[in-house]
Amino acid sequence: MSKKETQIQPDIDAQVEENIAEKPLEGQTQGDTCDRGSQEAAKIEAVPLTPEEKITELEAQLAETRDQMLRKAAEFENFRKRMNQEKQSSIEYANQSLLLDIIPIIDDFERAIQAGENGLQTSTVDYPGFLEGIKMIEKRLISQLEAKWGLKRFNSAGEVFDPNLHEALMMDKSSDVSEATVQEDFQKGYFLKERVIRAAKVKVLMPEAN
């Protein structure tokens, strides 16, 4: 090899190395090169926090959590107050429908009372008619309460005494009965649907001892 060829060869080798450094290898894209750069940058960013930095980060997270809890507590308190108000309103107006059914009956009583007062003033009171009118009002009231609200009055006279239904106010002995039997209603009892809401106050006949 001549001296001139010896000088040219190092220049060619240097040029080849430079080209290899600038161009990606076969099968390697420019994006792969960028990914490697990002990974190296991430490694740099993943440097562990100092204790002071970690404390600051945790305090920020704690403050955010506390703020969220306070908001949730305030929302729950508002919900609770709203539910209590609605419940109280329901209690206060629960009997509205019942009372609207009773009001017309009260109107009937007022008209009957007015008719009786007018009759007394003119000395033309129709007592049988007045009594019949009162009976009709009572019948209407009982029918309305039973049909729409499930309130039913029961009669006890002649029935076997039942402590679940009857409250004995008086007792007599009788040879006509073989077991305790209600002789008279002093105050009638009432069912609300299937439940006794007022026991009847009664007089009871007890069988005589043999």
N, C-alpha and C. Protein backbone atom coordinates (compact mmCIF):
# COMPACT_ATOMS: atom_id res chain seq x y z
N MET A 1 0.87 -1.19 0.00
CA MET A 1 0.00 0.00 0.00
C MET A 1 0.90 1.23 0.00
N SER A 2 0.50 2.21 -0.84
CA SER A 2 1.32 3.43 -0.94
C SER A 2 1.05 4.35 0.21
N LYS A 3 1.84 5.34 0.37
CA LYS A 3 1.68 6.32 1.45
C LYS A 3 0.42 7.10 1.28
N LYS A 4 0.00 7.38 0.02
CA LYS A 4 -1.21 8.17 -0.25
C LYS A 4 -2.43 7.37 0.15
N GLU A 5 -2.45 6.06 -0.17
CA GLU A 5 -3.59 5.21 0.19
C GLU A 5 -3.71 5.10 1.69
N THR A 6 -2.58 5.06 2.38
CA THR A 6 -2.62 4.99 3.85
C THR A 6 -3.29 6.20 4.45
N GLN A 7 -3.17 7.37 3.91
CA GLN A 7 -3.78 8.60 4.43
C GLN A 7 -5.28 8.64 4.15
N ILE A 8 -5.70 8.06 3.01
CA ILE A 8 -7.13 8.13 2.61
C ILE A 8 -7.97 7.18 3.47
N GLN A 9 -7.42 6.02 3.84
CA GLN A 9 -8.21 4.99 4.54
C GLN A 9 -8.76 5.48 5.88
N PRO A 10 -8.04 6.17 6.75
CA PRO A 10 -8.60 6.66 8.01
C PRO A 10 -9.74 7.62 7.81
N ASP A 11 -9.66 8.44 6.74
CA ASP A 11 -10.75 9.40 6.49
C ASP A 11 -12.03 8.66 6.14
N ILE A 12 -11.92 7.59 5.36
CA ILE A 12 -13.11 6.81 4.96
C ILE A 12 -13.71 6.14 6.19
N ASP A 13 -12.89 5.56 7.05
CA ASP A 13 -13.40 4.90 8.26
C ASP A 13 -14.13 5.88 9.17
N ALA A 14 -13.63 7.07 9.30
CA ALA A 14 -14.26 8.08 10.14
C ALA A 14 -15.63 8.46 9.60
N GLN A 15 -15.70 8.58 8.25
CA GLN A 15 -16.97 8.96 7.61
C GLN A 15 -18.02 7.89 7.81
N VAL A 16 -17.61 6.61 7.71
CA VAL A 16 -18.55 5.49 7.89
C VAL A 16 -19.09 5.48 9.32
N GLU A 17 -18.24 5.68 10.30
CA GLU A 17 -18.68 5.69 11.70
C GLU A 17 -19.67 6.83 11.96
N GLU A 18 -19.43 7.96 11.36
CA GLU A 18 -20.32 9.11 11.53
C GLU A 18 -21.70 8.81 10.96
N ASN A 19 -21.73 8.15 9.75
CA ASN A 19 -23.00 7.81 9.13
C ASN A 19 -23.79 6.81 9.98
N ILE A 20 -23.07 5.85 10.54
CA ILE A 20 -23.73 4.84 11.38
C ILE A 20 -24.35 5.50 12.61
N ALA A 21 -23.68 6.45 13.22
CA ALA A 21 -24.18 7.13 14.41
C ALA A 21 -25.41 7.95 14.11
N GLU A 22 -25.46 8.55 12.91
CA GLU A 22 -26.57 9.45 12.57
C GLU A 22 -27.79 8.68 12.12
N LYS A 23 -27.65 7.49 11.47
CA LYS A 23 -28.77 6.75 10.92
C LYS A 23 -29.12 5.60 11.85
N PRO A 24 -30.42 5.29 12.01
CA PRO A 24 -30.83 4.14 12.83
C PRO A 24 -30.45 2.86 12.15
N LEU A 25 -30.28 1.82 12.94
CA LEU A 25 -29.97 0.52 12.40
C LEU A 25 -31.13 0.00 11.58
N GLU A 26 -30.86 -1.00 10.74
CA GLU A 26 -31.89 -1.59 9.88
C GLU A 26 -32.98 -2.18 10.75
N GLY A 27 -34.24 -1.88 10.44
CA GLY A 27 -35.37 -2.34 11.23
C GLY A 27 -35.69 -1.45 12.40
N GLN A 28 -34.91 -0.42 12.60
CA GLN A 28 -35.13 0.50 13.71
C GLN A 28 -35.65 1.80 13.17
N THR A 29 -36.73 2.30 13.72
CA THR A 29 -37.34 3.55 13.25
C THR A 29 -36.84 4.71 14.09
N GLN A 30 -37.20 5.89 13.59
CA GLN A 30 -36.82 7.10 14.32
C GLN A 30 -37.57 7.18 15.66
N GLY A 31 -38.81 6.60 15.64
CA GLY A 31 -39.60 6.62 16.87
C GLY A 31 -38.96 5.81 17.97
N ASP A 32 -38.29 4.68 17.57
CA ASP A 32 -37.60 3.87 18.58
C ASP A 32 -36.52 4.68 19.26
N THR A 33 -35.89 5.48 18.47
CA THR A 33 -34.83 6.35 19.03
C THR A 33 -35.43 7.33 20.02
N CYS A 34 -36.63 7.90 19.66
CA CYS A 34 -37.29 8.86 20.55
C CYS A 34 -37.75 8.18 21.84
N ASP A 35 -38.24 6.90 21.69
CA ASP A 35 -38.69 6.18 22.87
C ASP A 35 -37.56 5.97 23.86
N ARG A 36 -36.41 5.64 23.32
CA ARG A 36 -35.25 5.46 24.20
C ARG A 36 -34.93 6.76 24.93
N GLY A 37 -35.12 7.88 24.20
CA GLY A 37 -34.85 9.17 24.84
C GLY A 37 -35.85 9.46 25.95
N SER A 38 -37.14 9.08 25.69
CA SER A 38 -38.17 9.31 26.71
C SER A 38 -37.93 8.46 27.93
N GLN A 39 -37.54 7.21 27.71
CA GLN A 39 -37.26 6.32 28.83
C GLN A 39 -36.11 6.83 29.67
N GLU A 40 -35.09 7.36 28.99
CA GLU A 40 -33.97 7.91 29.74
C GLU A 40 -34.39 9.13 30.53
N ALA A 41 -35.31 9.95 29.92
CA ALA A 41 -35.79 11.14 30.63
C ALA A 41 -36.62 10.72 31.83
N ALA A 42 -37.44 9.63 31.66
CA ALA A 42 -38.26 9.16 32.76
C ALA A 42 -37.40 8.66 33.90
N LYS A 43 -36.30 8.00 33.54
CA LYS A 43 -35.40 7.54 34.58
C LYS A 43 -34.84 8.70 35.38
N ILE A 44 -34.60 9.76 34.66
CA ILE A 44 -34.07 10.96 35.34
C ILE A 44 -35.12 11.54 36.27
N GLU A 45 -36.43 11.56 35.77
CA GLU A 45 -37.50 12.15 36.58
C GLU A 45 -37.87 11.27 37.76
N ALA A 46 -37.62 9.95 37.68
CA ALA A 46 -38.00 9.02 38.73
C ALA A 46 -37.06 9.03 39.91
N VAL A 47 -36.38 10.09 40.06
CA VAL A 47 -35.47 10.21 41.19
C VAL A 47 -36.30 10.25 42.48
N PRO A 48 -36.04 9.44 43.49
CA PRO A 48 -36.83 9.40 44.72
C PRO A 48 -36.94 10.79 45.35
N LEU A 49 -38.17 11.05 45.91
CA LEU A 49 -38.40 12.33 46.57
C LEU A 49 -37.66 12.36 47.90
N THR A 50 -37.30 13.53 48.28
CA THR A 50 -36.69 13.69 49.59
C THR A 50 -37.79 13.58 50.65
N PRO A 51 -37.46 13.30 51.88
CA PRO A 51 -38.48 13.21 52.93
C PRO A 51 -39.35 14.47 53.01
N GLU A 52 -38.73 15.63 52.86
CA GLU A 52 -39.50 16.87 52.92
C GLU A 52 -40.50 16.95 51.78
N GLU A 53 -40.07 16.54 50.57
CA GLU A 53 -40.97 16.58 49.41
C GLU A 53 -42.11 15.57 49.58
N LYS A 54 -41.79 14.39 50.12
CA LYS A 54 -42.81 13.38 50.35
C LYS A 54 -43.85 13.87 51.35
N ILE A 55 -43.40 14.52 52.43
CA ILE A 55 -44.31 15.07 53.43
C ILE A 55 -45.23 16.11 52.81
N THR A 56 -44.67 16.97 51.97
CA THR A 56 -45.47 18.00 51.30
C THR A 56 -46.53 17.37 50.41
N GLU A 57 -46.14 16.31 49.70
CA GLU A 57 -47.09 15.62 48.81
C GLU A 57 -48.21 14.98 49.61
N LEU A 58 -47.87 14.31 50.72
CA LEU A 58 -48.88 13.66 51.55
C LEU A 58 -49.81 14.67 52.21
N GLU A 59 -49.26 15.80 52.63
CA GLU A 59 -50.10 16.85 53.22
C GLU A 59 -51.10 17.38 52.20
N ALA A 60 -50.69 17.52 50.95
CA ALA A 60 -51.60 17.99 49.90
C ALA A 60 -52.71 16.97 49.67
N GLN A 61 -52.35 15.66 49.64
CA GLN A 61 -53.36 14.62 49.47
C GLN A 61 -54.32 14.59 50.65
N LEU A 62 -53.81 14.76 51.86
CA LEU A 62 -54.64 14.76 53.06
C LEU A 62 -55.62 15.94 53.03
N ALA A 63 -55.14 17.10 52.62
CA ALA A 63 -56.01 18.28 52.55
C ALA A 63 -57.13 18.07 51.54
N GLU A 64 -56.81 17.45 50.40
CA GLU A 64 -57.83 17.18 49.38
C GLU A 64 -58.86 16.18 49.88
N THR A 65 -58.39 15.12 50.57
CA THR A 65 -59.30 14.13 51.12
C THR A 65 -60.20 14.74 52.18
N ARG A 66 -59.65 15.59 53.04
CA ARG A 66 -60.43 16.25 54.08
C ARG A 66 -61.50 17.14 53.45
N ASP A 67 -61.15 17.84 52.40
CA ASP A 67 -62.10 18.71 51.71
C ASP A 67 -63.25 17.90 51.11
N GLN A 68 -62.93 16.75 50.52
CA GLN A 68 -63.97 15.89 49.95
C GLN A 68 -64.90 15.36 51.04
N MET A 69 -64.33 14.98 52.18
CA MET A 69 -65.15 14.46 53.28
C MET A 69 -66.07 15.54 53.83
N LEU A 70 -65.59 16.76 53.93
CA LEU A 70 -66.43 17.85 54.43
C LEU A 70 -67.58 18.13 53.49
N ARG A 71 -67.31 18.07 52.18
CA ARG A 71 -68.39 18.29 51.21
C ARG A 71 -69.43 17.20 51.30
N LYS A 72 -68.96 15.94 51.43
CA LYS A 72 -69.90 14.82 51.54
C LYS A 72 -70.73 14.94 52.83
N ALA A 73 -70.09 15.34 53.92
CA ALA A 73 -70.81 15.49 55.18
C ALA A 73 -71.88 16.58 55.08
N ALA A 74 -71.54 17.68 54.40
CA ALA A 74 -72.51 18.76 54.23
C ALA A 74 -73.68 18.30 53.36
N GLU A 75 -73.39 17.55 52.30
CA GLU A 75 -74.46 17.03 51.44
C GLU A 75 -75.37 16.09 52.20
N PHE A 76 -74.79 15.22 53.03
CA PHE A 76 -75.59 14.28 53.81
C PHE A 76 -76.47 15.02 54.82
N GLU A 77 -75.92 16.05 55.47
CA GLU A 77 -76.69 16.81 56.45
C GLU A 77 -77.88 17.50 55.79
N ASN A 78 -77.66 18.06 54.60
CA ASN A 78 -78.76 18.69 53.87
C ASN A 78 -79.82 17.66 53.50
N PHE A 79 -79.37 16.48 53.07
CA PHE A 79 -80.31 15.40 52.72
C PHE A 79 -81.11 14.98 53.95
N ARG A 80 -80.45 14.84 55.09
CA ARG A 80 -81.13 14.43 56.32
C ARG A 80 -82.19 15.46 56.73
N LYS A 81 -81.85 16.73 56.66
CA LYS A 81 -82.80 17.77 57.01
C LYS A 81 -84.00 17.77 56.08
N ARG A 82 -83.74 17.56 54.79
CA ARG A 82 -84.84 17.53 53.82
C ARG A 82 -85.77 16.35 54.09
N MET A 83 -85.19 15.18 54.41
CA MET A 83 -86.01 14.01 54.69
C MET A 83 -86.83 14.21 55.96
N ASN A 84 -86.24 14.83 56.98
CA ASN A 84 -86.98 15.09 58.22
C ASN A 84 -88.14 16.05 57.98
N GLN A 85 -87.91 17.06 57.15
CA GLN A 85 -88.98 18.01 56.83
C GLN A 85 -90.12 17.32 56.09
N GLU A 86 -89.77 16.47 55.13
CA GLU A 86 -90.79 15.76 54.38
C GLU A 86 -91.56 14.78 55.27
N LYS A 87 -90.83 14.12 56.19
CA LYS A 87 -91.48 13.20 57.11
C LYS A 87 -92.44 13.94 58.03
N GLN A 88 -92.00 15.08 58.56
CA GLN A 88 -92.86 15.87 59.44
C GLN A 88 -94.09 16.36 58.71
N SER A 89 -93.90 16.78 57.46
CA SER A 89 -95.03 17.24 56.65
C SER A 89 -96.01 16.10 56.41
N SER A 90 -95.49 14.89 56.16
CA SER A 90 -96.37 13.74 55.93
C SER A 90 -97.18 13.42 57.18
N ILE A 91 -96.54 13.55 58.36
CA ILE A 91 -97.24 13.27 59.61
C ILE A 91 -98.34 14.30 59.85
N GLU A 92 -98.02 15.55 59.62
CA GLU A 92 -98.96 16.63 59.89
C GLU A 92 -100.18 16.56 58.98
N TYR A 93 -99.98 16.11 57.74
CA TYR A 93 -101.09 16.11 56.78
C TYR A 93 -101.54 14.70 56.40
N ALA A 94 -101.15 13.70 57.21
CA ALA A 94 -101.49 12.31 56.90
C ALA A 94 -103.00 12.08 56.91
N ASN A 95 -103.73 12.81 57.76
CA ASN A 95 -105.17 12.60 57.92
C ASN A 95 -106.00 13.53 57.05
N GLN A 96 -105.37 14.19 56.12
CA GLN A 96 -106.10 15.16 55.30
C GLN A 96 -107.27 14.50 54.54
N SER A 97 -107.00 13.35 53.92
CA SER A 97 -108.05 12.69 53.14
C SER A 97 -109.20 12.24 54.03
N LEU A 98 -108.86 11.72 55.22
CA LEU A 98 -109.89 11.29 56.16
C LEU A 98 -110.76 12.48 56.57
N LEU A 99 -110.12 13.57 56.90
CA LEU A 99 -110.86 14.75 57.35
C LEU A 99 -111.74 15.32 56.24
N LEU A 100 -111.26 15.27 55.00
CA LEU A 100 -112.08 15.74 53.88
C LEU A 100 -113.33 14.88 53.71
N ASP A 101 -113.23 13.59 54.09
CA ASP A 101 -114.41 12.73 54.04
C ASP A 101 -115.38 13.02 55.18
N ILE A 102 -114.85 13.48 56.32
CA ILE A 102 -115.69 13.73 57.49
C ILE A 102 -116.38 15.09 57.42
N ILE A 103 -115.75 16.05 56.77
CA ILE A 103 -116.30 17.41 56.72
C ILE A 103 -117.74 17.45 56.20
N PRO A 104 -118.08 16.72 55.13
CA PRO A 104 -119.48 16.74 54.68
C PRO A 104 -120.45 16.20 55.74
N ILE A 105 -119.98 15.23 56.56
CA ILE A 105 -120.83 14.72 57.63
C ILE A 105 -121.06 15.80 58.68
N ILE A 106 -120.02 16.56 58.97
CA ILE A 106 -120.17 17.68 59.91
C ILE A 106 -121.18 18.68 59.37
N ASP A 107 -121.14 18.91 58.05
CA ASP A 107 -122.12 19.81 57.43
C ASP A 107 -123.55 19.30 57.66
N ASP A 108 -123.72 17.98 57.56
CA ASP A 108 -125.04 17.40 57.79
C ASP A 108 -125.49 17.62 59.23
N PHE A 109 -124.58 17.46 60.18
CA PHE A 109 -124.92 17.71 61.58
C PHE A 109 -125.30 19.18 61.79
N GLU A 110 -124.58 20.08 61.16
CA GLU A 110 -124.89 21.50 61.31
C GLU A 110 -126.29 21.82 60.78
N ARG A 111 -126.64 21.21 59.64
CA ARG A 111 -127.97 21.45 59.08
C ARG A 111 -129.06 20.87 59.98
N ALA A 112 -128.78 19.68 60.56
CA ALA A 112 -129.76 19.07 61.45
C ALA A 112 -129.95 19.92 62.70
N ILE A 113 -128.83 20.40 63.26
CA ILE A 113 -128.92 21.25 64.45
C ILE A 113 -129.68 22.53 64.14
N GLN A 114 -129.40 23.13 62.99
CA GLN A 114 -130.09 24.36 62.60
C GLN A 114 -131.59 24.12 62.44
N ALA A 115 -131.94 22.97 61.83
CA ALA A 115 -133.36 22.65 61.66
C ALA A 115 -134.04 22.47 63.03
N GLY A 116 -133.33 21.80 63.96
CA GLY A 116 -133.91 21.62 65.29
C GLY A 116 -134.10 22.93 66.01
N GLU A 117 -133.12 23.82 65.91
CA GLU A 117 -133.24 25.13 66.56
C GLU A 117 -134.37 25.94 65.97
N ASN A 118 -134.52 25.90 64.65
CA ASN A 118 -135.61 26.63 64.00
C ASN A 118 -136.96 26.06 64.44
N GLY A 119 -137.02 24.73 64.57
CA GLY A 119 -138.28 24.11 65.02
C GLY A 119 -138.64 24.50 66.43
N LEU A 120 -137.62 24.62 67.31
CA LEU A 120 -137.90 25.04 68.68
C LEU A 120 -138.43 26.47 68.73
N GLN A 121 -137.91 27.31 67.89
CA GLN A 121 -138.34 28.71 67.88
C GLN A 121 -139.79 28.85 67.39
N THR A 122 -140.19 27.99 66.51
CA THR A 122 -141.54 28.07 65.94
C THR A 122 -142.47 27.02 66.53
N SER A 123 -141.97 26.27 67.52
CA SER A 123 -142.75 25.21 68.18
C SER A 123 -143.29 24.20 67.18
N THR A 124 -142.50 23.92 66.16
CA THR A 124 -142.93 22.94 65.15
C THR A 124 -141.87 21.84 64.97
N VAL A 125 -141.24 21.45 66.05
CA VAL A 125 -140.20 20.44 65.97
C VAL A 125 -140.80 19.09 65.60
N ASP A 126 -140.29 18.49 64.57
CA ASP A 126 -140.70 17.14 64.15
C ASP A 126 -139.71 16.16 64.77
N TYR A 127 -139.99 15.73 66.00
CA TYR A 127 -139.03 14.89 66.70
C TYR A 127 -138.76 13.57 65.99
N PRO A 128 -139.78 12.87 65.51
CA PRO A 128 -139.48 11.63 64.78
C PRO A 128 -138.63 11.89 63.53
N GLY A 129 -138.96 12.97 62.80
CA GLY A 129 -138.17 13.29 61.62
C GLY A 129 -136.75 13.71 61.97
N PHE A 130 -136.62 14.48 63.06
CA PHE A 130 -135.29 14.91 63.52
C PHE A 130 -134.44 13.69 63.90
N LEU A 131 -135.07 12.76 64.64
CA LEU A 131 -134.35 11.55 65.05
C LEU A 131 -133.94 10.73 63.84
N GLU A 132 -134.81 10.61 62.88
CA GLU A 132 -134.49 9.85 61.68
C GLU A 132 -133.33 10.51 60.92
N GLY A 133 -133.32 11.83 60.89
CA GLY A 133 -132.23 12.53 60.23
C GLY A 133 -130.89 12.27 60.90
N ILE A 134 -130.86 12.27 62.23
CA ILE A 134 -129.63 11.99 62.97
C ILE A 134 -129.16 10.57 62.70
N LYS A 135 -130.10 9.61 62.67
CA LYS A 135 -129.73 8.23 62.37
C LYS A 135 -129.11 8.10 60.98
N MET A 136 -129.66 8.82 60.03
CA MET A 136 -129.14 8.77 58.66
C MET A 136 -127.72 9.32 58.59
N ILE A 137 -127.47 10.41 59.34
CA ILE A 137 -126.12 11.00 59.36
C ILE A 137 -125.12 10.02 59.96
N GLU A 138 -125.52 9.38 61.07
CA GLU A 138 -124.63 8.40 61.71
C GLU A 138 -124.36 7.24 60.76
N LYS A 139 -125.39 6.75 60.10
CA LYS A 139 -125.22 5.63 59.17
C LYS A 139 -124.28 6.01 58.04
N ARG A 140 -124.43 7.22 57.53
CA ARG A 140 -123.55 7.68 56.45
C ARG A 140 -122.11 7.74 56.92
N LEU A 141 -121.90 8.24 58.12
CA LEU A 141 -120.54 8.36 58.66
C LEU A 141 -119.91 6.98 58.84
N ILE A 142 -120.64 6.06 59.46
CA ILE A 142 -120.10 4.72 59.70
C ILE A 142 -119.80 4.02 58.37
N SER A 143 -120.70 4.16 57.41
CA SER A 143 -120.49 3.52 56.10
C SER A 143 -119.27 4.08 55.40
N GLN A 144 -119.10 5.39 55.48
CA GLN A 144 -117.95 6.03 54.83
C GLN A 144 -116.64 5.57 55.45
N LEU A 145 -116.59 5.52 56.77
CA LEU A 145 -115.36 5.12 57.45
C LEU A 145 -115.04 3.65 57.22
N GLU A 146 -116.06 2.83 57.15
CA GLU A 146 -115.82 1.39 56.93
C GLU A 146 -115.41 1.11 55.50
N ALA A 147 -116.11 1.70 54.53
CA ALA A 147 -115.85 1.40 53.13
C ALA A 147 -114.50 1.94 52.67
N LYS A 148 -114.14 3.13 53.13
CA LYS A 148 -112.93 3.77 52.61
C LYS A 148 -111.72 3.65 53.53
N TRP A 149 -111.98 3.52 54.83
CA TRP A 149 -110.86 3.55 55.77
C TRP A 149 -110.70 2.28 56.59
N GLY A 150 -111.61 1.34 56.46
CA GLY A 150 -111.46 0.07 57.15
C GLY A 150 -111.84 0.11 58.62
N LEU A 151 -112.57 1.17 59.05
CA LEU A 151 -113.01 1.27 60.45
C LEU A 151 -114.38 0.61 60.56
N LYS A 152 -114.47 -0.42 61.40
CA LYS A 152 -115.71 -1.18 61.51
C LYS A 152 -116.13 -1.29 62.97
N ARG A 153 -117.38 -0.93 63.24
CA ARG A 153 -117.93 -1.06 64.59
C ARG A 153 -118.52 -2.46 64.75
N PHE A 154 -118.32 -3.05 65.92
CA PHE A 154 -118.89 -4.39 66.12
C PHE A 154 -119.80 -4.41 67.34
N ASN A 155 -120.84 -5.22 67.23
CA ASN A 155 -121.78 -5.41 68.32
C ASN A 155 -121.37 -6.64 69.13
N SER A 156 -121.58 -6.59 70.43
CA SER A 156 -121.11 -7.66 71.30
C SER A 156 -122.23 -8.36 72.06
N ALA A 157 -123.40 -7.77 72.16
CA ALA A 157 -124.50 -8.36 72.94
C ALA A 157 -124.83 -9.76 72.40
N GLY A 158 -124.88 -10.73 73.32
CA GLY A 158 -125.19 -12.10 72.94
C GLY A 158 -123.96 -12.91 72.55
N GLU A 159 -122.80 -12.27 72.41
CA GLU A 159 -121.57 -12.98 72.02
C GLU A 159 -120.84 -13.52 73.25
N VAL A 160 -120.10 -14.60 73.04
CA VAL A 160 -119.26 -15.14 74.11
C VAL A 160 -118.20 -14.10 74.49
N PHE A 161 -118.01 -13.93 75.79
CA PHE A 161 -117.05 -12.93 76.25
C PHE A 161 -115.64 -13.28 75.77
N ASP A 162 -114.97 -12.32 75.17
CA ASP A 162 -113.60 -12.49 74.67
C ASP A 162 -112.77 -11.32 75.20
N PRO A 163 -111.80 -11.59 76.07
CA PRO A 163 -111.01 -10.48 76.64
C PRO A 163 -110.22 -9.71 75.59
N ASN A 164 -110.03 -10.30 74.41
CA ASN A 164 -109.34 -9.57 73.34
C ASN A 164 -110.25 -8.54 72.68
N LEU A 165 -111.57 -8.73 72.86
CA LEU A 165 -112.54 -7.82 72.22
C LEU A 165 -113.32 -7.00 73.23
N HIS A 166 -113.45 -7.53 74.45
CA HIS A 166 -114.37 -6.93 75.42
C HIS A 166 -113.66 -6.54 76.71
N GLU A 167 -114.16 -5.47 77.29
CA GLU A 167 -113.73 -5.04 78.62
C GLU A 167 -114.95 -5.09 79.53
N ALA A 168 -114.91 -5.98 80.50
CA ALA A 168 -116.07 -6.17 81.38
C ALA A 168 -116.12 -5.07 82.44
N LEU A 169 -117.22 -4.32 82.44
CA LEU A 169 -117.43 -3.30 83.46
C LEU A 169 -118.35 -3.78 84.57
N MET A 170 -119.22 -4.73 84.23
CA MET A 170 -120.15 -5.29 85.21
C MET A 170 -120.29 -6.78 84.96
N MET A 171 -120.62 -7.54 86.02
CA MET A 171 -120.85 -8.98 85.90
C MET A 171 -122.06 -9.38 86.74
N ASP A 172 -122.85 -10.30 86.19
CA ASP A 172 -123.97 -10.90 86.91
C ASP A 172 -123.92 -12.39 86.69
N LYS A 173 -124.52 -13.14 87.62
CA LYS A 173 -124.63 -14.58 87.45
C LYS A 173 -125.99 -14.90 86.86
N SER A 174 -126.00 -15.92 86.02
CA SER A 174 -127.26 -16.31 85.38
C SER A 174 -127.25 -17.81 85.12
N SER A 175 -128.41 -18.39 85.30
CA SER A 175 -128.56 -19.82 85.00
C SER A 175 -128.86 -20.06 83.53
N ASP A 176 -129.02 -18.98 82.79
CA ASP A 176 -129.36 -19.10 81.38
C ASP A 176 -128.14 -19.27 80.49
N VAL A 177 -126.95 -19.11 81.03
CA VAL A 177 -125.74 -19.21 80.21
C VAL A 177 -124.84 -20.29 80.77
N SER A 178 -124.11 -20.96 79.86
CA SER A 178 -123.18 -22.00 80.28
C SER A 178 -121.73 -21.52 80.24
N GLU A 179 -121.52 -20.33 79.71
CA GLU A 179 -120.19 -19.70 79.68
C GLU A 179 -120.36 -18.19 79.71
N ALA A 180 -119.29 -17.50 79.99
CA ALA A 180 -119.35 -16.04 80.10
C ALA A 180 -119.87 -15.45 78.79
N THR A 181 -120.94 -14.66 78.89
CA THR A 181 -121.60 -14.12 77.71
C THR A 181 -121.88 -12.64 77.90
N VAL A 182 -121.69 -11.87 76.85
CA VAL A 182 -121.96 -10.44 76.91
C VAL A 182 -123.48 -10.23 76.91
N GLN A 183 -123.96 -9.52 77.94
CA GLN A 183 -125.38 -9.22 78.00
C GLN A 183 -125.71 -7.88 77.36
N GLU A 184 -124.81 -6.91 77.53
CA GLU A 184 -125.14 -5.55 77.06
C GLU A 184 -123.86 -4.80 76.68
N ASP A 185 -123.99 -4.01 75.64
CA ASP A 185 -122.91 -3.09 75.24
C ASP A 185 -123.10 -1.76 75.95
N PHE A 186 -122.11 -1.33 76.72
CA PHE A 186 -122.13 0.03 77.24
C PHE A 186 -121.46 1.00 76.25
N GLN A 187 -120.46 0.48 75.60
CA GLN A 187 -119.74 1.27 74.58
C GLN A 187 -119.22 0.31 73.54
N LYS A 188 -119.56 0.55 72.28
CA LYS A 188 -119.23 -0.41 71.23
C LYS A 188 -117.74 -0.38 70.92
N GLY A 189 -117.25 -1.53 70.44
CA GLY A 189 -115.85 -1.64 70.05
C GLY A 189 -115.66 -1.42 68.56
N TYR A 190 -114.39 -1.21 68.17
CA TYR A 190 -114.09 -0.92 66.77
C TYR A 190 -112.86 -1.69 66.31
N PHE A 191 -112.94 -2.17 65.06
CA PHE A 191 -111.80 -2.72 64.34
C PHE A 191 -111.28 -1.67 63.38
N LEU A 192 -109.97 -1.64 63.21
CA LEU A 192 -109.36 -0.95 62.08
C LEU A 192 -108.74 -2.02 61.21
N LYS A 193 -109.44 -2.34 60.13
CA LYS A 193 -109.12 -3.51 59.30
C LYS A 193 -109.22 -4.76 60.19
N GLU A 194 -108.10 -5.43 60.48
CA GLU A 194 -108.16 -6.65 61.28
C GLU A 194 -107.73 -6.43 62.73
N ARG A 195 -107.44 -5.20 63.11
CA ARG A 195 -106.93 -4.91 64.45
C ARG A 195 -108.00 -4.25 65.31
N VAL A 196 -108.10 -4.71 66.56
CA VAL A 196 -109.01 -4.07 67.51
C VAL A 196 -108.34 -2.79 68.01
N ILE A 197 -108.96 -1.65 67.72
CA ILE A 197 -108.37 -0.39 68.19
C ILE A 197 -109.11 0.15 69.40
N ARG A 198 -110.32 -0.40 69.65
CA ARG A 198 -111.00 -0.08 70.92
C ARG A 198 -111.87 -1.26 71.31
N ALA A 199 -111.60 -1.79 72.49
CA ALA A 199 -112.41 -2.90 73.00
C ALA A 199 -113.78 -2.37 73.42
N ALA A 200 -114.78 -3.23 73.30
CA ALA A 200 -116.13 -2.85 73.72
C ALA A 200 -116.23 -2.93 75.24
N LYS A 201 -116.91 -1.95 75.83
CA LYS A 201 -117.16 -1.97 77.27
C LYS A 201 -118.54 -2.61 77.48
N VAL A 202 -118.55 -3.69 78.25
CA VAL A 202 -119.75 -4.53 78.28
C VAL A 202 -120.13 -4.97 79.70
N LYS A 203 -121.38 -5.50 79.78
CA LYS A 203 -121.85 -6.20 80.97
C LYS A 203 -121.85 -7.68 80.63
N VAL A 204 -121.33 -8.51 81.54
CA VAL A 204 -121.14 -9.93 81.28
C VAL A 204 -122.00 -10.78 82.22
N LEU A 205 -122.62 -11.80 81.65
CA LEU A 205 -123.33 -12.79 82.44
C LEU A 205 -122.43 -14.00 82.63
N MET A 206 -122.30 -14.42 83.91
CA MET A 206 -121.47 -15.58 84.24
C MET A 206 -122.39 -16.75 84.64
N PRO A 207 -122.04 -17.96 84.24
CA PRO A 207 -122.87 -19.11 84.63
C PRO A 207 -122.81 -19.33 86.15
N GLU A 208 -123.96 -19.74 86.70
CA GLU A 208 -124.01 -20.02 88.14
C GLU A 208 -123.27 -21.32 88.43
N ALA A 209 -122.62 -21.34 89.56
CA ALA A 209 -121.91 -22.56 89.98
C ALA A 209 -122.90 -23.62 90.37
N ASN A 210 -122.66 -24.87 89.97
CA ASN A 210 -123.55 -25.98 90.29
C ASN A 210 -123.33 -26.42 91.75
